[in-house]
N, C-alpha and C. Protein backbone atom coordinates (compact mmCIF):
# COMPACT_ATOMS: atom_id res chain seq x y z
N MET A 1 -4.34 -14.29 -4.44
CA MET A 1 -4.75 -12.98 -4.89
C MET A 1 -3.66 -11.97 -4.54
N ARG A 2 -3.47 -11.03 -5.42
CA ARG A 2 -2.55 -9.92 -5.19
C ARG A 2 -3.26 -8.64 -5.57
N TRP A 3 -2.89 -7.56 -4.89
CA TRP A 3 -3.43 -6.26 -5.27
C TRP A 3 -2.40 -5.18 -4.99
N VAL A 4 -2.50 -4.12 -5.76
CA VAL A 4 -1.66 -2.93 -5.60
C VAL A 4 -2.59 -1.74 -5.70
N GLY A 5 -2.35 -0.74 -4.87
CA GLY A 5 -3.12 0.49 -4.96
C GLY A 5 -2.20 1.67 -5.17
N THR A 6 -2.57 2.57 -6.07
CA THR A 6 -1.86 3.83 -6.22
C THR A 6 -2.78 4.92 -5.70
N PHE A 7 -2.22 5.80 -4.89
CA PHE A 7 -2.99 6.86 -4.24
C PHE A 7 -2.25 8.18 -4.42
N ALA A 8 -3.00 9.27 -4.50
CA ALA A 8 -2.41 10.61 -4.53
C ALA A 8 -3.40 11.59 -3.92
N TRP A 9 -2.86 12.50 -3.12
CA TRP A 9 -3.65 13.57 -2.52
C TRP A 9 -2.94 14.87 -2.84
N PRO A 10 -3.68 15.94 -3.11
CA PRO A 10 -3.02 17.22 -3.44
C PRO A 10 -2.33 17.86 -2.24
N LYS A 11 -2.79 17.53 -1.03
CA LYS A 11 -2.19 18.08 0.20
C LYS A 11 -2.10 16.93 1.20
N ALA A 12 -2.22 17.21 2.47
CA ALA A 12 -2.20 16.17 3.50
C ALA A 12 -3.38 15.22 3.31
N ILE A 13 -3.17 13.94 3.60
CA ILE A 13 -4.21 12.92 3.39
C ILE A 13 -5.51 13.31 4.07
N HIS A 14 -5.45 13.77 5.32
CA HIS A 14 -6.68 14.07 6.06
C HIS A 14 -7.46 15.25 5.47
N GLU A 15 -6.85 16.02 4.57
CA GLU A 15 -7.55 17.13 3.92
C GLU A 15 -8.39 16.65 2.74
N GLY A 16 -8.23 15.39 2.34
CA GLY A 16 -9.09 14.81 1.32
C GLY A 16 -8.71 15.13 -0.11
N ASN A 17 -9.71 14.96 -0.99
CA ASN A 17 -9.57 15.16 -2.44
C ASN A 17 -8.58 14.20 -3.08
N GLY A 18 -8.47 13.00 -2.52
CA GLY A 18 -7.54 12.01 -3.04
C GLY A 18 -8.10 11.25 -4.23
N THR A 19 -7.17 10.64 -4.94
CA THR A 19 -7.49 9.78 -6.09
C THR A 19 -6.82 8.44 -5.87
N CYS A 20 -7.52 7.39 -6.27
CA CYS A 20 -7.00 6.03 -6.09
C CYS A 20 -7.29 5.18 -7.31
N GLN A 21 -6.40 4.26 -7.59
CA GLN A 21 -6.64 3.21 -8.57
C GLN A 21 -6.06 1.93 -8.03
N VAL A 22 -6.84 0.85 -8.12
CA VAL A 22 -6.35 -0.44 -7.66
C VAL A 22 -6.15 -1.37 -8.85
N PHE A 23 -5.18 -2.27 -8.66
CA PHE A 23 -4.83 -3.29 -9.63
C PHE A 23 -4.97 -4.62 -8.92
N ILE A 24 -5.66 -5.56 -9.55
CA ILE A 24 -5.93 -6.84 -8.91
C ILE A 24 -5.49 -7.97 -9.82
N ASP A 25 -4.78 -8.93 -9.22
CA ASP A 25 -4.34 -10.14 -9.91
C ASP A 25 -5.10 -11.30 -9.28
N CYS A 26 -6.20 -11.66 -9.91
CA CYS A 26 -7.08 -12.70 -9.38
C CYS A 26 -7.93 -13.21 -10.53
N LYS A 27 -8.11 -14.51 -10.61
CA LYS A 27 -8.88 -15.10 -11.72
C LYS A 27 -10.35 -15.32 -11.40
N ASN A 28 -10.69 -15.38 -10.12
CA ASN A 28 -12.04 -15.72 -9.69
C ASN A 28 -12.88 -14.46 -9.53
N ASP A 29 -14.00 -14.36 -10.28
CA ASP A 29 -14.83 -13.15 -10.25
C ASP A 29 -15.40 -12.85 -8.88
N SER A 30 -15.82 -13.86 -8.12
CA SER A 30 -16.39 -13.58 -6.80
C SER A 30 -15.31 -13.07 -5.84
N GLN A 31 -14.07 -13.57 -5.99
CA GLN A 31 -12.98 -13.06 -5.17
C GLN A 31 -12.61 -11.63 -5.57
N LYS A 32 -12.69 -11.32 -6.87
CA LYS A 32 -12.43 -9.94 -7.31
C LYS A 32 -13.41 -8.99 -6.64
N GLU A 33 -14.69 -9.34 -6.69
CA GLU A 33 -15.71 -8.47 -6.09
C GLU A 33 -15.53 -8.35 -4.59
N ALA A 34 -15.21 -9.45 -3.92
CA ALA A 34 -14.99 -9.41 -2.47
C ALA A 34 -13.80 -8.53 -2.14
N LEU A 35 -12.73 -8.63 -2.90
CA LEU A 35 -11.54 -7.81 -2.65
C LEU A 35 -11.83 -6.32 -2.89
N LEU A 36 -12.58 -6.01 -3.94
CA LEU A 36 -12.96 -4.61 -4.18
C LEU A 36 -13.80 -4.05 -3.03
N THR A 37 -14.67 -4.87 -2.48
CA THR A 37 -15.49 -4.45 -1.34
C THR A 37 -14.61 -4.18 -0.12
N ILE A 38 -13.67 -5.08 0.15
CA ILE A 38 -12.76 -4.91 1.28
C ILE A 38 -11.92 -3.64 1.10
N LEU A 39 -11.32 -3.48 -0.09
CA LEU A 39 -10.44 -2.35 -0.34
C LEU A 39 -11.17 -1.01 -0.29
N SER A 40 -12.46 -1.01 -0.54
CA SER A 40 -13.24 0.23 -0.48
C SER A 40 -13.70 0.56 0.93
N GLY A 41 -13.45 -0.34 1.88
CA GLY A 41 -13.83 -0.10 3.27
C GLY A 41 -15.31 -0.28 3.56
N GLN A 42 -16.05 -0.85 2.62
CA GLN A 42 -17.50 -0.99 2.77
C GLN A 42 -17.93 -1.96 3.85
N GLU A 43 -17.11 -2.93 4.15
CA GLU A 43 -17.47 -3.95 5.14
C GLU A 43 -16.66 -3.79 6.42
N THR A 44 -16.30 -2.55 6.74
CA THR A 44 -15.41 -2.29 7.86
C THR A 44 -16.07 -1.39 8.89
N GLU A 45 -15.81 -1.69 10.14
CA GLU A 45 -16.24 -0.81 11.22
C GLU A 45 -15.59 0.56 10.99
N PRO A 46 -16.33 1.66 11.15
CA PRO A 46 -15.75 3.00 10.91
C PRO A 46 -14.46 3.23 11.70
N GLY A 47 -13.42 3.67 10.98
CA GLY A 47 -12.13 3.98 11.58
C GLY A 47 -11.27 2.79 11.94
N ALA A 48 -11.73 1.57 11.62
CA ALA A 48 -11.03 0.37 12.08
C ALA A 48 -9.89 -0.08 11.17
N THR A 49 -9.97 0.21 9.87
CA THR A 49 -8.93 -0.25 8.95
C THR A 49 -8.47 0.90 8.05
N ILE A 50 -7.29 0.73 7.50
CA ILE A 50 -6.75 1.73 6.58
C ILE A 50 -7.65 1.89 5.36
N PHE A 51 -8.32 0.81 4.95
CA PHE A 51 -9.19 0.87 3.78
C PHE A 51 -10.37 1.81 4.03
N GLN A 52 -11.00 1.68 5.18
CA GLN A 52 -12.15 2.51 5.50
C GLN A 52 -11.72 3.95 5.74
N VAL A 53 -10.60 4.15 6.42
CA VAL A 53 -10.11 5.51 6.70
C VAL A 53 -9.75 6.21 5.39
N PHE A 54 -8.98 5.56 4.53
CA PHE A 54 -8.59 6.18 3.26
C PHE A 54 -9.81 6.45 2.37
N ALA A 55 -10.78 5.55 2.36
CA ALA A 55 -11.97 5.73 1.52
C ALA A 55 -12.65 7.06 1.81
N GLY A 56 -12.62 7.49 3.07
CA GLY A 56 -13.23 8.76 3.43
C GLY A 56 -12.45 9.98 2.96
N THR A 57 -11.26 9.79 2.43
CA THR A 57 -10.43 10.91 1.96
C THR A 57 -10.37 10.98 0.44
N LEU A 58 -11.05 10.06 -0.24
CA LEU A 58 -10.98 9.99 -1.70
C LEU A 58 -12.19 10.66 -2.34
N THR A 59 -11.93 11.42 -3.39
CA THR A 59 -13.03 12.00 -4.17
C THR A 59 -13.11 11.36 -5.56
N GLU A 60 -12.05 10.66 -5.94
CA GLU A 60 -12.05 9.99 -7.24
C GLU A 60 -11.48 8.60 -7.12
N MET A 61 -12.25 7.63 -7.58
CA MET A 61 -11.83 6.24 -7.60
C MET A 61 -11.79 5.81 -9.07
N LEU A 62 -10.59 5.66 -9.61
CA LEU A 62 -10.44 5.25 -11.01
C LEU A 62 -10.83 3.79 -11.15
N ASP A 63 -11.21 3.40 -12.36
CA ASP A 63 -11.63 2.02 -12.60
C ASP A 63 -10.53 1.04 -12.22
N PRO A 64 -10.89 -0.04 -11.54
CA PRO A 64 -9.88 -1.06 -11.20
C PRO A 64 -9.38 -1.74 -12.46
N GLN A 65 -8.13 -2.17 -12.41
CA GLN A 65 -7.52 -2.89 -13.52
C GLN A 65 -7.22 -4.31 -13.06
N PHE A 66 -7.55 -5.26 -13.88
CA PHE A 66 -7.32 -6.67 -13.56
C PHE A 66 -6.16 -7.15 -14.43
N VAL A 67 -4.98 -7.25 -13.80
CA VAL A 67 -3.73 -7.48 -14.52
C VAL A 67 -2.82 -8.40 -13.70
N PRO A 68 -1.87 -9.08 -14.37
CA PRO A 68 -0.87 -9.84 -13.62
C PRO A 68 0.04 -8.91 -12.82
N ILE A 69 0.35 -9.31 -11.59
CA ILE A 69 1.22 -8.52 -10.71
C ILE A 69 2.34 -9.43 -10.22
N SER A 70 3.57 -8.95 -10.36
CA SER A 70 4.74 -9.67 -9.86
C SER A 70 5.15 -9.03 -8.54
N VAL A 71 5.30 -9.85 -7.49
CA VAL A 71 5.63 -9.34 -6.16
C VAL A 71 6.69 -10.22 -5.52
N GLU A 72 7.72 -9.58 -4.97
CA GLU A 72 8.72 -10.26 -4.14
C GLU A 72 8.96 -9.38 -2.93
N ILE A 73 8.76 -9.95 -1.73
CA ILE A 73 8.91 -9.16 -0.50
C ILE A 73 9.69 -9.96 0.53
N ASP A 74 10.66 -9.31 1.17
CA ASP A 74 11.39 -9.86 2.30
C ASP A 74 11.33 -8.80 3.40
N ILE A 75 10.37 -8.95 4.31
CA ILE A 75 10.14 -7.94 5.35
C ILE A 75 11.37 -7.79 6.23
N GLU A 76 11.94 -8.87 6.66
CA GLU A 76 13.10 -8.83 7.55
C GLU A 76 14.26 -8.06 6.93
N ALA A 77 14.48 -8.25 5.62
CA ALA A 77 15.58 -7.57 4.92
C ALA A 77 15.19 -6.18 4.42
N ARG A 78 13.91 -5.84 4.55
CA ARG A 78 13.39 -4.57 4.05
C ARG A 78 13.66 -4.41 2.56
N LYS A 79 13.32 -5.46 1.83
CA LYS A 79 13.49 -5.44 0.37
C LYS A 79 12.22 -5.90 -0.30
N ALA A 80 11.86 -5.21 -1.38
CA ALA A 80 10.65 -5.57 -2.12
C ALA A 80 10.76 -5.11 -3.57
N GLN A 81 10.09 -5.85 -4.43
CA GLN A 81 9.96 -5.50 -5.84
C GLN A 81 8.52 -5.79 -6.23
N VAL A 82 7.88 -4.82 -6.84
CA VAL A 82 6.51 -5.00 -7.35
C VAL A 82 6.51 -4.48 -8.78
N GLU A 83 5.89 -5.27 -9.68
CA GLU A 83 5.84 -4.83 -11.07
C GLU A 83 4.52 -5.22 -11.70
N ILE A 84 3.95 -4.26 -12.42
CA ILE A 84 2.81 -4.49 -13.28
C ILE A 84 3.30 -4.08 -14.66
N ASP A 85 3.46 -5.05 -15.54
CA ASP A 85 4.11 -4.85 -16.83
C ASP A 85 3.54 -3.64 -17.57
N GLY A 86 4.42 -2.70 -17.89
CA GLY A 86 4.04 -1.53 -18.66
C GLY A 86 3.26 -0.49 -17.89
N VAL A 87 3.06 -0.69 -16.58
CA VAL A 87 2.23 0.22 -15.80
C VAL A 87 2.93 0.76 -14.56
N LEU A 88 3.59 -0.12 -13.81
CA LEU A 88 4.12 0.28 -12.51
C LEU A 88 5.35 -0.55 -12.15
N LYS A 89 6.35 0.12 -11.60
CA LYS A 89 7.51 -0.55 -11.00
C LYS A 89 7.74 0.12 -9.66
N ALA A 90 7.85 -0.67 -8.62
CA ALA A 90 8.11 -0.14 -7.29
C ALA A 90 9.12 -1.04 -6.60
N SER A 91 9.93 -0.42 -5.75
CA SER A 91 10.90 -1.20 -5.00
C SER A 91 11.05 -0.60 -3.61
N GLY A 92 11.45 -1.44 -2.69
CA GLY A 92 11.75 -1.02 -1.34
C GLY A 92 13.12 -1.54 -0.96
N THR A 93 13.87 -0.72 -0.25
CA THR A 93 15.21 -1.09 0.19
C THR A 93 15.41 -0.59 1.62
N PRO A 94 16.41 -1.10 2.30
CA PRO A 94 16.68 -0.60 3.64
C PRO A 94 17.11 0.87 3.62
N ILE A 95 16.89 1.56 4.72
CA ILE A 95 17.45 2.88 4.92
C ILE A 95 18.96 2.70 5.13
N VAL A 96 19.76 3.52 4.50
CA VAL A 96 21.21 3.40 4.63
C VAL A 96 21.73 4.53 5.52
N ASN A 97 22.53 4.15 6.50
CA ASN A 97 23.16 5.13 7.38
C ASN A 97 24.13 5.96 6.55
N PRO A 98 23.98 7.30 6.50
CA PRO A 98 24.83 8.12 5.64
C PRO A 98 26.29 8.19 6.10
N VAL A 99 26.55 7.86 7.34
CA VAL A 99 27.93 7.91 7.85
C VAL A 99 28.65 6.59 7.62
N SER A 100 28.02 5.48 8.04
CA SER A 100 28.68 4.18 7.96
C SER A 100 28.41 3.44 6.66
N GLY A 101 27.31 3.79 5.96
CA GLY A 101 26.93 3.06 4.76
C GLY A 101 26.22 1.75 5.04
N GLU A 102 26.06 1.43 6.32
CA GLU A 102 25.39 0.19 6.73
C GLU A 102 23.86 0.36 6.67
N ASP A 103 23.18 -0.78 6.52
CA ASP A 103 21.72 -0.76 6.60
C ASP A 103 21.33 -0.30 8.00
N HIS A 104 20.34 0.58 8.05
CA HIS A 104 19.86 1.13 9.31
C HIS A 104 18.44 0.61 9.54
N ARG A 105 18.21 0.00 10.68
CA ARG A 105 16.89 -0.57 10.96
C ARG A 105 16.05 0.39 11.78
N VAL A 106 14.80 0.53 11.34
CA VAL A 106 13.82 1.32 12.06
C VAL A 106 12.54 0.49 12.12
N ARG A 107 12.09 0.21 13.32
CA ARG A 107 10.85 -0.56 13.50
C ARG A 107 9.89 0.32 14.30
N VAL A 108 8.66 0.40 13.82
CA VAL A 108 7.65 1.20 14.48
C VAL A 108 6.52 0.29 14.94
N ILE A 109 6.12 0.48 16.18
CA ILE A 109 5.01 -0.28 16.75
C ILE A 109 3.86 0.69 17.00
N LEU A 110 2.70 0.36 16.48
CA LEU A 110 1.49 1.17 16.67
C LEU A 110 0.49 0.36 17.51
N PRO A 111 0.49 0.54 18.81
CA PRO A 111 -0.40 -0.26 19.67
C PRO A 111 -1.87 -0.14 19.29
N ASN A 112 -2.28 1.02 18.76
CA ASN A 112 -3.68 1.23 18.37
C ASN A 112 -3.82 1.63 16.91
N GLY A 113 -2.84 1.31 16.10
CA GLY A 113 -2.86 1.74 14.70
C GLY A 113 -3.92 1.03 13.87
N PHE A 114 -4.48 1.76 12.90
CA PHE A 114 -5.44 1.16 11.98
C PHE A 114 -4.75 0.62 10.73
N GLU A 115 -3.44 0.94 10.55
CA GLU A 115 -2.70 0.48 9.38
C GLU A 115 -2.07 -0.89 9.62
N TYR A 116 -1.38 -1.02 10.76
CA TYR A 116 -0.64 -2.23 11.09
C TYR A 116 -0.31 -2.19 12.56
N ALA A 117 0.19 -3.30 13.09
CA ALA A 117 0.62 -3.34 14.48
C ALA A 117 2.10 -3.01 14.60
N GLU A 118 2.90 -3.53 13.65
CA GLU A 118 4.35 -3.30 13.67
C GLU A 118 4.87 -3.32 12.24
N ALA A 119 5.80 -2.41 11.94
CA ALA A 119 6.35 -2.34 10.58
C ALA A 119 7.84 -2.02 10.63
N GLU A 120 8.55 -2.51 9.64
CA GLU A 120 9.95 -2.13 9.38
C GLU A 120 9.89 -0.99 8.36
N TYR A 121 10.62 0.09 8.64
CA TYR A 121 10.64 1.22 7.71
C TYR A 121 11.83 1.10 6.77
N GLY A 122 11.65 1.62 5.57
CA GLY A 122 12.70 1.57 4.58
C GLY A 122 12.57 2.72 3.61
N SER A 123 13.26 2.59 2.50
CA SER A 123 13.26 3.59 1.44
C SER A 123 12.49 3.01 0.26
N GLY A 124 11.63 3.81 -0.35
CA GLY A 124 10.81 3.32 -1.45
C GLY A 124 10.94 4.16 -2.71
N THR A 125 10.83 3.49 -3.84
CA THR A 125 10.86 4.14 -5.15
C THR A 125 9.71 3.60 -5.96
N VAL A 126 8.98 4.48 -6.65
CA VAL A 126 7.86 4.03 -7.48
C VAL A 126 7.81 4.86 -8.76
N LEU A 127 7.52 4.19 -9.87
CA LEU A 127 7.25 4.84 -11.14
C LEU A 127 5.98 4.22 -11.68
N SER A 128 4.95 5.03 -11.80
CA SER A 128 3.67 4.56 -12.29
C SER A 128 3.28 5.40 -13.50
N THR A 129 2.98 4.73 -14.60
CA THR A 129 2.62 5.42 -15.83
C THR A 129 1.16 5.22 -16.18
N ASN A 130 0.37 4.73 -15.21
CA ASN A 130 -1.05 4.53 -15.46
C ASN A 130 -1.76 5.88 -15.37
N ALA A 131 -3.06 5.87 -15.23
CA ALA A 131 -3.84 7.11 -15.16
C ALA A 131 -3.39 7.99 -13.99
N LEU A 132 -2.93 7.40 -12.92
CA LEU A 132 -2.43 8.13 -11.76
C LEU A 132 -0.90 8.06 -11.81
N LYS A 133 -0.29 9.07 -12.36
CA LYS A 133 1.15 9.06 -12.60
C LYS A 133 1.91 9.39 -11.30
N LEU A 134 2.88 8.55 -10.98
CA LEU A 134 3.70 8.74 -9.80
C LEU A 134 5.15 8.51 -10.18
N ASP A 135 6.03 9.33 -9.64
CA ASP A 135 7.47 9.18 -9.86
C ASP A 135 8.17 9.67 -8.60
N SER A 136 8.54 8.74 -7.76
CA SER A 136 9.13 9.08 -6.47
C SER A 136 10.35 8.19 -6.24
N LYS A 137 11.44 8.81 -5.83
CA LYS A 137 12.68 8.06 -5.59
C LYS A 137 13.13 8.23 -4.15
N ASN A 138 13.54 7.12 -3.54
CA ASN A 138 14.09 7.13 -2.19
C ASN A 138 13.19 7.85 -1.19
N ALA A 139 11.92 7.56 -1.24
CA ALA A 139 10.95 8.14 -0.32
C ALA A 139 10.63 7.11 0.77
N HIS A 140 9.58 7.33 1.48
CA HIS A 140 9.20 6.45 2.58
C HIS A 140 8.63 5.12 2.07
N ALA A 141 8.95 4.05 2.78
CA ALA A 141 8.35 2.74 2.55
C ALA A 141 8.22 2.06 3.91
N HIS A 142 7.23 1.23 4.04
CA HIS A 142 7.20 0.39 5.24
C HIS A 142 6.74 -1.00 4.85
N PHE A 143 7.26 -1.98 5.61
CA PHE A 143 7.08 -3.39 5.32
C PHE A 143 6.41 -4.03 6.52
N PHE A 144 5.30 -4.72 6.27
CA PHE A 144 4.60 -5.38 7.37
C PHE A 144 3.69 -6.47 6.84
N GLU A 145 3.34 -7.39 7.71
CA GLU A 145 2.33 -8.38 7.40
C GLU A 145 1.00 -7.82 7.83
N MET A 146 0.00 -7.92 6.95
CA MET A 146 -1.32 -7.40 7.26
C MET A 146 -2.21 -8.54 7.73
N ASN A 147 -2.67 -8.43 8.95
CA ASN A 147 -3.60 -9.41 9.50
C ASN A 147 -4.71 -8.61 10.16
N MET A 148 -5.84 -8.51 9.47
CA MET A 148 -6.94 -7.72 10.02
C MET A 148 -8.28 -8.32 9.64
N THR A 149 -9.27 -7.91 10.39
CA THR A 149 -10.66 -8.26 10.11
C THR A 149 -11.41 -6.96 9.87
N GLN A 150 -12.72 -7.04 9.69
CA GLN A 150 -13.51 -5.84 9.52
C GLN A 150 -13.52 -4.97 10.76
N ASN A 151 -13.03 -5.51 11.88
CA ASN A 151 -12.96 -4.76 13.14
C ASN A 151 -11.59 -4.14 13.38
N GLY A 152 -10.64 -4.35 12.47
CA GLY A 152 -9.33 -3.74 12.59
C GLY A 152 -8.19 -4.74 12.63
N VAL A 153 -7.02 -4.22 12.97
CA VAL A 153 -5.79 -5.02 13.01
C VAL A 153 -5.90 -6.05 14.12
N VAL A 154 -5.56 -7.29 13.78
CA VAL A 154 -5.54 -8.37 14.78
C VAL A 154 -4.19 -8.29 15.49
N ARG A 155 -4.24 -8.20 16.82
CA ARG A 155 -3.02 -8.08 17.61
C ARG A 155 -2.80 -9.34 18.43
């Protein structure tokens, strides 16, 4: 199973009024429903996962789309490509040191984070032409493995 979410908030995330649309690449109907439940934060202890926290900031949830998703990720290299044909293209690259031109590594550890335990930071670009239009170049990206339960990030 693969999924992609597009999110937008008019101001800071914690101020709410966000909009979200998810894209799911999965053939099994019961798995689709289970994934939608997880992504909506419905089966999560309050405040324990990014899904439940974000759900509380959304006022509009656009209909999910069930489409093929192409994904290539190399966390260590801070490189990623995600594509939904005709809908979304996103990429992640390392942060480049402006003086030396070398890749610059930034790793963040969140001992009590609800998003992840540890992530590599990078530069992200996204172009989305779906109902939630996004066009961002060389913005923030982070790369991490997600291992969590309904009680939060497994450490």
